[in-house]
Amino acid sequence: IYAMGWHRQAPGKQRELVAVISSSGDTKYANYVK
């Protein structure tokens, strides 16, 4: 029942969203990884 996702953090950079998936399986992506 949990939504889940991936973030990434490069050296010297802020953490940023990569992708997310809902509990029902719907997905969204950052533009740079689509």
PDB file of all heavy atoms in Angstrom:
ATOM      1  N   ILE A   1       0.805  -1.213   0.000  1.00  0.00           N
ATOM      2  CA  ILE A   1       0.000   0.000   0.000  1.00  0.00           C
ATOM      3  C   ILE A   1       0.845   1.272   0.000  1.00  0.00           C
ATOM      4  O   ILE A   1       0.290   2.370  -0.005  1.00  0.00           O
ATOM      5  CB  ILE A   1      -0.982   0.036   1.180  1.00  0.00           C
ATOM      6  CG1 ILE A   1      -0.244   0.210   2.510  1.00  0.00           C
ATOM      7  CG2 ILE A   1      -1.848  -1.226   1.203  1.00  0.00           C
ATOM      8  CD1 ILE A   1      -1.166   0.497   3.680  1.00  0.00           C
ATOM      9  N   TYR A   2       2.159   1.142   0.001  1.00  0.00           N
ATOM     10  CA  TYR A   2       3.047   2.296   0.018  1.00  0.00           C
ATOM     11  C   TYR A   2       3.403   2.736  -1.396  1.00  0.00           C
ATOM     12  O   TYR A   2       3.660   1.904  -2.262  1.00  0.00           O
ATOM     13  CB  TYR A   2       4.339   1.979   0.765  1.00  0.00           C
ATOM     14  CG  TYR A   2       4.264   2.193   2.257  1.00  0.00           C
ATOM     15  CD1 TYR A   2       3.392   1.463   3.037  1.00  0.00           C
ATOM     16  CD2 TYR A   2       5.086   3.128   2.872  1.00  0.00           C
ATOM     17  CE1 TYR A   2       3.328   1.659   4.405  1.00  0.00           C
ATOM     18  CE2 TYR A   2       5.034   3.325   4.244  1.00  0.00           C
ATOM     19  CZ  TYR A   2       4.156   2.595   5.000  1.00  0.00           C
ATOM     20  OH  TYR A   2       4.107   2.794   6.357  1.00  0.00           O
ATOM     21  N   ALA A   3       3.404   4.038  -1.608  1.00  0.00           N
ATOM     22  CA  ALA A   3       4.045   4.587  -2.790  1.00  0.00           C
ATOM     23  C   ALA A   3       5.551   4.504  -2.588  1.00  0.00           C
ATOM     24  O   ALA A   3       6.039   4.616  -1.460  1.00  0.00           O
ATOM     25  CB  ALA A   3       3.611   6.032  -3.019  1.00  0.00           C
ATOM     26  N   MET A   4       6.285   4.310  -3.669  1.00  0.00           N
ATOM     27  CA  MET A   4       7.730   4.186  -3.570  1.00  0.00           C
ATOM     28  C   MET A   4       8.400   4.943  -4.708  1.00  0.00           C
ATOM     29  O   MET A   4       7.779   5.220  -5.737  1.00  0.00           O
ATOM     30  CB  MET A   4       8.155   2.715  -3.611  1.00  0.00           C
ATOM     31  CG  MET A   4       7.556   1.874  -2.503  1.00  0.00           C
ATOM     32  SD  MET A   4       8.199   0.178  -2.451  1.00  0.00           S
ATOM     33  CE  MET A   4       9.872   0.491  -1.865  1.00  0.00           C
ATOM     34  N   GLY A   5       9.667   5.259  -4.505  1.00  0.00           N
ATOM     35  CA  GLY A   5      10.367   5.999  -5.537  1.00  0.00           C
ATOM     36  C   GLY A   5      11.866   5.883  -5.414  1.00  0.00           C
ATOM     37  O   GLY A   5      12.397   5.286  -4.473  1.00  0.00           O
ATOM     38  N   TRP A   6      12.527   6.455  -6.405  1.00  0.00           N
ATOM     39  CA  TRP A   6      13.979   6.546  -6.432  1.00  0.00           C
ATOM     40  C   TRP A   6      14.383   8.006  -6.546  1.00  0.00           C
ATOM     41  O   TRP A   6      13.835   8.753  -7.364  1.00  0.00           O
ATOM     42  CB  TRP A   6      14.566   5.768  -7.613  1.00  0.00           C
ATOM     43  CG  TRP A   6      14.413   4.284  -7.514  1.00  0.00           C
ATOM     44  CD1 TRP A   6      13.408   3.527  -8.021  1.00  0.00           C
ATOM     45  CD2 TRP A   6      15.318   3.379  -6.873  1.00  0.00           C
ATOM     46  NE1 TRP A   6      13.621   2.200  -7.742  1.00  0.00           N
ATOM     47  CE2 TRP A   6      14.788   2.082  -7.038  1.00  0.00           C
ATOM     48  CE3 TRP A   6      16.517   3.536  -6.188  1.00  0.00           C
ATOM     49  CZ2 TRP A   6      15.422   0.945  -6.532  1.00  0.00           C
ATOM     50  CZ3 TRP A   6      17.146   2.409  -5.683  1.00  0.00           C
ATOM     51  CH2 TRP A   6      16.593   1.133  -5.854  1.00  0.00           C
ATOM     52  N   HIS A   7      15.327   8.411  -5.723  1.00  0.00           N
ATOM     53  CA  HIS A   7      16.003   9.698  -5.835  1.00  0.00           C
ATOM     54  C   HIS A   7      17.493   9.441  -5.998  1.00  0.00           C
ATOM     55  O   HIS A   7      17.976   8.352  -5.681  1.00  0.00           O
ATOM     56  CB  HIS A   7      15.765  10.558  -4.594  1.00  0.00           C
ATOM     57  CG  HIS A   7      14.380  11.125  -4.492  1.00  0.00           C
ATOM     58  ND1 HIS A   7      13.275  10.358  -4.215  1.00  0.00           N
ATOM     59  CD2 HIS A   7      13.934  12.404  -4.626  1.00  0.00           C
ATOM     60  CE1 HIS A   7      12.199  11.124  -4.175  1.00  0.00           C
ATOM     61  NE2 HIS A   7      12.583  12.373  -4.420  1.00  0.00           N
ATOM     62  N   ARG A   8      18.201  10.432  -6.483  1.00  0.00           N
ATOM     63  CA  ARG A   8      19.640  10.299  -6.596  1.00  0.00           C
ATOM     64  C   ARG A   8      20.318  11.596  -6.167  1.00  0.00           C
ATOM     65  O   ARG A   8      19.731  12.669  -6.235  1.00  0.00           O
ATOM     66  CB  ARG A   8      20.063   9.930  -8.020  1.00  0.00           C
ATOM     67  CG  ARG A   8      19.841  11.017  -9.059  1.00  0.00           C
ATOM     68  CD  ARG A   8      20.125  10.475 -10.452  1.00  0.00           C
ATOM     69  NE  ARG A   8      20.071  11.516 -11.468  1.00  0.00           N
ATOM     70  CZ  ARG A   8      20.169  11.296 -12.771  1.00  0.00           C
ATOM     71  NH1 ARG A   8      20.334  10.051 -13.223  1.00  0.00           N
ATOM     72  NH2 ARG A   8      20.112  12.301 -13.624  1.00  0.00           N
ATOM     73  N   GLN A   9      21.564  11.462  -5.735  1.00  0.00           N
ATOM     74  CA  GLN A   9      22.334  12.613  -5.302  1.00  0.00           C
ATOM     75  C   GLN A   9      23.770  12.472  -5.780  1.00  0.00           C
ATOM     76  O   GLN A   9      24.467  11.538  -5.393  1.00  0.00           O
ATOM     77  CB  GLN A   9      22.295  12.769  -3.783  1.00  0.00           C
ATOM     78  CG  GLN A   9      22.929  14.056  -3.285  1.00  0.00           C
ATOM     79  CD  GLN A   9      22.612  14.332  -1.826  1.00  0.00           C
ATOM     80  OE1 GLN A   9      22.306  13.421  -1.060  1.00  0.00           O
ATOM     81  NE2 GLN A   9      22.680  15.593  -1.442  1.00  0.00           N
ATOM     82  N   ALA A  10      24.177  13.396  -6.624  1.00  0.00           N
ATOM     83  CA  ALA A  10      25.544  13.445  -7.108  1.00  0.00           C
ATOM     84  C   ALA A  10      26.374  14.320  -6.178  1.00  0.00           C
ATOM     85  O   ALA A  10      25.836  15.172  -5.461  1.00  0.00           O
ATOM     86  CB  ALA A  10      25.585  13.989  -8.529  1.00  0.00           C
ATOM     87  N   PRO A  11      27.703  14.143  -6.174  1.00  0.00           N
ATOM     88  CA  PRO A  11      28.555  14.958  -5.313  1.00  0.00           C
ATOM     89  C   PRO A  11      28.340  16.453  -5.538  1.00  0.00           C
ATOM     90  O   PRO A  11      28.358  16.920  -6.677  1.00  0.00           O
ATOM     91  CB  PRO A  11      29.969  14.537  -5.718  1.00  0.00           C
ATOM     92  CG  PRO A  11      29.810  13.139  -6.222  1.00  0.00           C
ATOM     93  CD  PRO A  11      28.477  13.134  -6.923  1.00  0.00           C
ATOM     94  N   GLY A  12      28.120  17.186  -4.456  1.00  0.00           N
ATOM     95  CA  GLY A  12      27.923  18.615  -4.546  1.00  0.00           C
ATOM     96  C   GLY A  12      26.567  19.049  -5.054  1.00  0.00           C
ATOM     97  O   GLY A  12      26.339  20.249  -5.235  1.00  0.00           O
ATOM     98  N   LYS A  13      25.673  18.103  -5.286  1.00  0.00           N
ATOM     99  CA  LYS A  13      24.352  18.415  -5.814  1.00  0.00           C
ATOM    100  C   LYS A  13      23.268  18.034  -4.808  1.00  0.00           C
ATOM    101  O   LYS A  13      23.484  17.211  -3.924  1.00  0.00           O
ATOM    102  CB  LYS A  13      24.102  17.682  -7.127  1.00  0.00           C
ATOM    103  CG  LYS A  13      25.127  17.952  -8.206  1.00  0.00           C
ATOM    104  CD  LYS A  13      25.079  19.393  -8.677  1.00  0.00           C
ATOM    105  CE  LYS A  13      26.048  19.613  -9.827  1.00  0.00           C
ATOM    106  NZ  LYS A  13      26.009  21.022 -10.306  1.00  0.00           N
ATOM    107  N   GLN A  14      22.107  18.648  -4.955  1.00  0.00           N
ATOM    108  CA  GLN A  14      20.969  18.290  -4.127  1.00  0.00           C
ATOM    109  C   GLN A  14      20.352  16.984  -4.608  1.00  0.00           C
ATOM    110  O   GLN A  14      20.470  16.614  -5.773  1.00  0.00           O
ATOM    111  CB  GLN A  14      19.918  19.402  -4.150  1.00  0.00           C
ATOM    112  CG  GLN A  14      20.349  20.689  -3.473  1.00  0.00           C
ATOM    113  CD  GLN A  14      19.229  21.703  -3.397  1.00  0.00           C
ATOM    114  OE1 GLN A  14      18.382  21.763  -4.291  1.00  0.00           O
ATOM    115  NE2 GLN A  14      19.212  22.490  -2.338  1.00  0.00           N
ATOM    116  N   ARG A  15      19.700  16.296  -3.696  1.00  0.00           N
ATOM    117  CA  ARG A  15      18.985  15.084  -4.047  1.00  0.00           C
ATOM    118  C   ARG A  15      17.838  15.430  -4.998  1.00  0.00           C
ATOM    119  O   ARG A  15      17.134  16.419  -4.806  1.00  0.00           O
ATOM    120  CB  ARG A  15      18.463  14.414  -2.781  1.00  0.00           C
ATOM    121  CG  ARG A  15      17.857  13.040  -2.996  1.00  0.00           C
ATOM    122  CD  ARG A  15      17.484  12.403  -1.656  1.00  0.00           C
ATOM    123  NE  ARG A  15      18.666  12.123  -0.851  1.00  0.00           N
ATOM    124  CZ  ARG A  15      18.631  11.648   0.384  1.00  0.00           C
ATOM    125  NH1 ARG A  15      17.452  11.394   0.970  1.00  0.00           N
ATOM    126  NH2 ARG A  15      19.747  11.418   1.051  1.00  0.00           N
ATOM    127  N   GLU A  16      17.651  14.608  -6.033  1.00  0.00           N
ATOM    128  CA  GLU A  16      16.619  14.864  -7.019  1.00  0.00           C
ATOM    129  C   GLU A  16      15.816  13.604  -7.312  1.00  0.00           C
ATOM    130  O   GLU A  16      16.312  12.483  -7.217  1.00  0.00           O
ATOM    131  CB  GLU A  16      17.225  15.408  -8.320  1.00  0.00           C
ATOM    132  CG  GLU A  16      18.192  14.453  -9.003  1.00  0.00           C
ATOM    133  CD  GLU A  16      18.832  15.046 -10.243  1.00  0.00           C
ATOM    134  OE1 GLU A  16      18.556  16.215 -10.575  1.00  0.00           O
ATOM    135  OE2 GLU A  16      19.632  14.332 -10.899  1.00  0.00           O
ATOM    136  N   LEU A  17      14.579  13.817  -7.687  1.00  0.00           N
ATOM    137  CA  LEU A  17      13.689  12.713  -8.022  1.00  0.00           C
ATOM    138  C   LEU A  17      14.116  12.054  -9.322  1.00  0.00           C
ATOM    139  O   LEU A  17      14.462  12.727 -10.295  1.00  0.00           O
ATOM    140  CB  LEU A  17      12.254  13.227  -8.154  1.00  0.00           C
ATOM    141  CG  LEU A  17      11.211  12.200  -8.616  1.00  0.00           C
ATOM    142  CD1 LEU A  17      10.950  11.176  -7.522  1.00  0.00           C
ATOM    143  CD2 LEU A  17       9.909  12.908  -8.997  1.00  0.00           C
ATOM    144  N   VAL A  18      14.078  10.730  -9.345  1.00  0.00           N
ATOM    145  CA  VAL A  18      14.323   9.962 -10.554  1.00  0.00           C
ATOM    146  C   VAL A  18      13.019   9.389 -11.094  1.00  0.00           C
ATOM    147  O   VAL A  18      12.668   9.581 -12.262  1.00  0.00           O
ATOM    148  CB  VAL A  18      15.327   8.821 -10.304  1.00  0.00           C
ATOM    149  CG1 VAL A  18      15.502   7.975 -11.562  1.00  0.00           C
ATOM    150  CG2 VAL A  18      16.669   9.385  -9.842  1.00  0.00           C
ATOM    151  N   ALA A  19      12.286   8.669 -10.250  1.00  0.00           N
ATOM    152  CA  ALA A  19      11.046   8.030 -10.668  1.00  0.00           C
ATOM    153  C   ALA A  19      10.226   7.685  -9.446  1.00  0.00           C
ATOM    154  O   ALA A  19      10.752   7.570  -8.337  1.00  0.00           O
ATOM    155  CB  ALA A  19      11.327   6.767 -11.489  1.00  0.00           C
ATOM    156  N   VAL A  20       8.938   7.508  -9.648  1.00  0.00           N
ATOM    157  CA  VAL A  20       8.038   7.154  -8.561  1.00  0.00           C
ATOM    158  C   VAL A  20       7.008   6.158  -9.073  1.00  0.00           C
ATOM    159  O   VAL A  20       6.620   6.192 -10.250  1.00  0.00           O
ATOM    160  CB  VAL A  20       7.348   8.415  -7.973  1.00  0.00           C
ATOM    161  CG1 VAL A  20       6.514   9.119  -9.036  1.00  0.00           C
ATOM    162  CG2 VAL A  20       6.509   8.072  -6.763  1.00  0.00           C
ATOM    163  N   ILE A  21       6.573   5.261  -8.207  1.00  0.00           N
ATOM    164  CA  ILE A  21       5.547   4.293  -8.547  1.00  0.00           C
ATOM    165  C   ILE A  21       4.532   4.244  -7.413  1.00  0.00           C
ATOM    166  O   ILE A  21       4.887   4.162  -6.240  1.00  0.00           O
ATOM    167  CB  ILE A  21       6.157   2.900  -8.838  1.00  0.00           C
ATOM    168  CG1 ILE A  21       5.080   1.918  -9.308  1.00  0.00           C
ATOM    169  CG2 ILE A  21       6.912   2.361  -7.625  1.00  0.00           C
ATOM    170  CD1 ILE A  21       5.664   0.644  -9.919  1.00  0.00           C
ATOM    171  N   SER A  22       3.267   4.307  -7.768  1.00  0.00           N
ATOM    172  CA  SER A  22       2.208   4.291  -6.777  1.00  0.00           C
ATOM    173  C   SER A  22       1.939   2.874  -6.304  1.00  0.00           C
ATOM    174  O   SER A  22       2.447   1.894  -6.854  1.00  0.00           O
ATOM    175  CB  SER A  22       0.928   4.898  -7.360  1.00  0.00           C
ATOM    176  OG  SER A  22       0.329   4.011  -8.283  1.00  0.00           O
ATOM    177  N   SER A  23       1.110   2.759  -5.280  1.00  0.00           N
ATOM    178  CA  SER A  23       0.742   1.443  -4.774  1.00  0.00           C
ATOM    179  C   SER A  23      -0.016   0.626  -5.814  1.00  0.00           C
ATOM    180  O   SER A  23       0.005  -0.608  -5.759  1.00  0.00           O
ATOM    181  CB  SER A  23      -0.095   1.579  -3.505  1.00  0.00           C
ATOM    182  OG  SER A  23      -1.289   2.311  -3.757  1.00  0.00           O
ATOM    183  N   SER A  24      -0.653   1.305  -6.765  1.00  0.00           N
ATOM    184  CA  SER A  24      -1.394   0.621  -7.820  1.00  0.00           C
ATOM    185  C   SER A  24      -0.572   0.377  -9.080  1.00  0.00           C
ATOM    186  O   SER A  24      -1.076  -0.204 -10.042  1.00  0.00           O
ATOM    187  CB  SER A  24      -2.654   1.407  -8.183  1.00  0.00           C
ATOM    188  OG  SER A  24      -2.328   2.691  -8.658  1.00  0.00           O
ATOM    189  N   GLY A  25       0.684   0.836  -9.080  1.00  0.00           N
ATOM    190  CA  GLY A  25       1.575   0.580 -10.196  1.00  0.00           C
ATOM    191  C   GLY A  25       1.710   1.696 -11.207  1.00  0.00           C
ATOM    192  O   GLY A  25       2.412   1.527 -12.214  1.00  0.00           O
ATOM    193  N   ASP A  26       1.072   2.832 -10.990  1.00  0.00           N
ATOM    194  CA  ASP A  26       1.247   3.978 -11.879  1.00  0.00           C
ATOM    195  C   ASP A  26       2.636   4.573 -11.689  1.00  0.00           C
ATOM    196  O   ASP A  26       3.130   4.654 -10.565  1.00  0.00           O
ATOM    197  CB  ASP A  26       0.191   5.040 -11.606  1.00  0.00           C
ATOM    198  CG  ASP A  26      -1.211   4.558 -11.919  1.00  0.00           C
ATOM    199  OD1 ASP A  26      -1.371   3.769 -12.869  1.00  0.00           O
ATOM    200  OD2 ASP A  26      -2.153   4.973 -11.220  1.00  0.00           O
ATOM    201  N   THR A  27       3.245   5.012 -12.774  1.00  0.00           N
ATOM    202  CA  THR A  27       4.625   5.489 -12.729  1.00  0.00           C
ATOM    203  C   THR A  27       4.771   6.886 -13.301  1.00  0.00           C
ATOM    204  O   THR A  27       4.013   7.305 -14.182  1.00  0.00           O
ATOM    205  CB  THR A  27       5.557   4.548 -13.506  1.00  0.00           C
ATOM    206  OG1 THR A  27       5.138   4.481 -14.878  1.00  0.00           O
ATOM    207  CG2 THR A  27       5.525   3.149 -12.913  1.00  0.00           C
ATOM    208  N   LYS A  28       5.764   7.604 -12.785  1.00  0.00           N
ATOM    209  CA  LYS A  28       6.153   8.906 -13.307  1.00  0.00           C
ATOM    210  C   LYS A  28       7.675   9.000 -13.263  1.00  0.00           C
ATOM    211  O   LYS A  28       8.310   8.416 -12.398  1.00  0.00           O
ATOM    212  CB  LYS A  28       5.525  10.049 -12.513  1.00  0.00           C
ATOM    213  CG  LYS A  28       4.018  10.147 -12.637  1.00  0.00           C
ATOM    214  CD  LYS A  28       3.466  11.345 -11.875  1.00  0.00           C
ATOM    215  CE  LYS A  28       1.966  11.458 -12.047  1.00  0.00           C
ATOM    216  NZ  LYS A  28       1.411  12.621 -11.305  1.00  0.00           N
ATOM    217  N   TYR A  29       8.232   9.775 -14.204  1.00  0.00           N
ATOM    218  CA  TYR A  29       9.672   9.871 -14.337  1.00  0.00           C
ATOM    219  C   TYR A  29      10.118  11.310 -14.484  1.00  0.00           C
ATOM    220  O   TYR A  29       9.410  12.137 -15.056  1.00  0.00           O
ATOM    221  CB  TYR A  29      10.155   9.092 -15.561  1.00  0.00           C
ATOM    222  CG  TYR A  29       9.843   7.620 -15.526  1.00  0.00           C
ATOM    223  CD1 TYR A  29       8.647   7.130 -16.033  1.00  0.00           C
ATOM    224  CD2 TYR A  29      10.757   6.720 -14.992  1.00  0.00           C
ATOM    225  CE1 TYR A  29       8.364   5.774 -15.999  1.00  0.00           C
ATOM    226  CE2 TYR A  29      10.476   5.365 -14.959  1.00  0.00           C
ATOM    227  CZ  TYR A  29       9.281   4.895 -15.461  1.00  0.00           C
ATOM    228  OH  TYR A  29       9.009   3.548 -15.429  1.00  0.00           O
ATOM    229  N   ALA A  30      11.314  11.581 -13.984  1.00  0.00           N
ATOM    230  CA  ALA A  30      11.951  12.838 -14.297  1.00  0.00           C
ATOM    231  C   ALA A  30      12.227  12.893 -15.797  1.00  0.00           C
ATOM    232  O   ALA A  30      12.485  11.861 -16.428  1.00  0.00           O
ATOM    233  CB  ALA A  30      13.257  12.990 -13.521  1.00  0.00           C
ATOM    234  N   ASN A  31      12.174  14.088 -16.367  1.00  0.00           N
ATOM    235  CA  ASN A  31      12.338  14.222 -17.814  1.00  0.00           C
ATOM    236  C   ASN A  31      13.660  13.657 -18.316  1.00  0.00           C
ATOM    237  O   ASN A  31      13.718  13.092 -19.417  1.00  0.00           O
ATOM    238  CB  ASN A  31      12.207  15.688 -18.225  1.00  0.00           C
ATOM    239  CG  ASN A  31      10.787  16.197 -18.131  1.00  0.00           C
ATOM    240  OD1 ASN A  31       9.830  15.427 -18.205  1.00  0.00           O
ATOM    241  ND2 ASN A  31      10.647  17.503 -17.970  1.00  0.00           N
ATOM    242  N   TYR A  32      14.705  13.779 -17.532  1.00  0.00           N
ATOM    243  CA  TYR A  32      16.029  13.378 -18.004  1.00  0.00           C
ATOM    244  C   TYR A  32      16.240  11.873 -18.038  1.00  0.00           C
ATOM    245  O   TYR A  32      17.263  11.400 -18.529  1.00  0.00           O
ATOM    246  CB  TYR A  32      17.118  14.051 -17.162  1.00  0.00           C
ATOM    247  CG  TYR A  32      16.964  13.895 -15.674  1.00  0.00           C
ATOM    248  CD1 TYR A  32      17.404  12.756 -15.021  1.00  0.00           C
ATOM    249  CD2 TYR A  32      16.379  14.908 -14.915  1.00  0.00           C
ATOM    250  CE1 TYR A  32      17.259  12.612 -13.656  1.00  0.00           C
ATOM    251  CE2 TYR A  32      16.234  14.777 -13.544  1.00  0.00           C
ATOM    252  CZ  TYR A  32      16.673  13.629 -12.919  1.00  0.00           C
ATOM    253  OH  TYR A  32      16.539  13.492 -11.552  1.00  0.00           O
ATOM    254  N   VAL A  33      15.273  11.096 -17.510  1.00  0.00           N
ATOM    255  CA  VAL A  33      15.403   9.637 -17.567  1.00  0.00           C
ATOM    256  C   VAL A  33      14.293   8.982 -18.380  1.00  0.00           C
ATOM    257  O   VAL A  33      14.315   7.760 -18.566  1.00  0.00           O
ATOM    258  CB  VAL A  33      15.450   9.007 -16.166  1.00  0.00           C
ATOM    259  CG1 VAL A  33      16.593   9.592 -15.356  1.00  0.00           C
ATOM    260  CG2 VAL A  33      14.122   9.166 -15.444  1.00  0.00           C
ATOM    261  N   LYS A  34      13.349   9.759 -18.884  1.00  0.00           N
ATOM    262  CA  LYS A  34      12.254   9.200 -19.673  1.00  0.00           C
ATOM    263  C   LYS A  34      12.793   8.469 -20.900  1.00  0.00           C
ATOM    264  O   LYS A  34      13.636   8.971 -21.619  1.00  0.00           O
ATOM    265  CB  LYS A  34      11.287  10.300 -20.110  1.00  0.00           C
ATOM    266  CG  LYS A  34      10.405  10.831 -18.997  1.00  0.00           C
ATOM    267  CD  LYS A  34       9.435  11.887 -19.509  1.00  0.00           C
ATOM    268  CE  LYS A  34       8.531  12.397 -18.401  1.00  0.00           C
ATOM    269  NZ  LYS A  34       7.616  13.459 -18.884  1.00  0.00           N
TER     270      LYS A  34
END
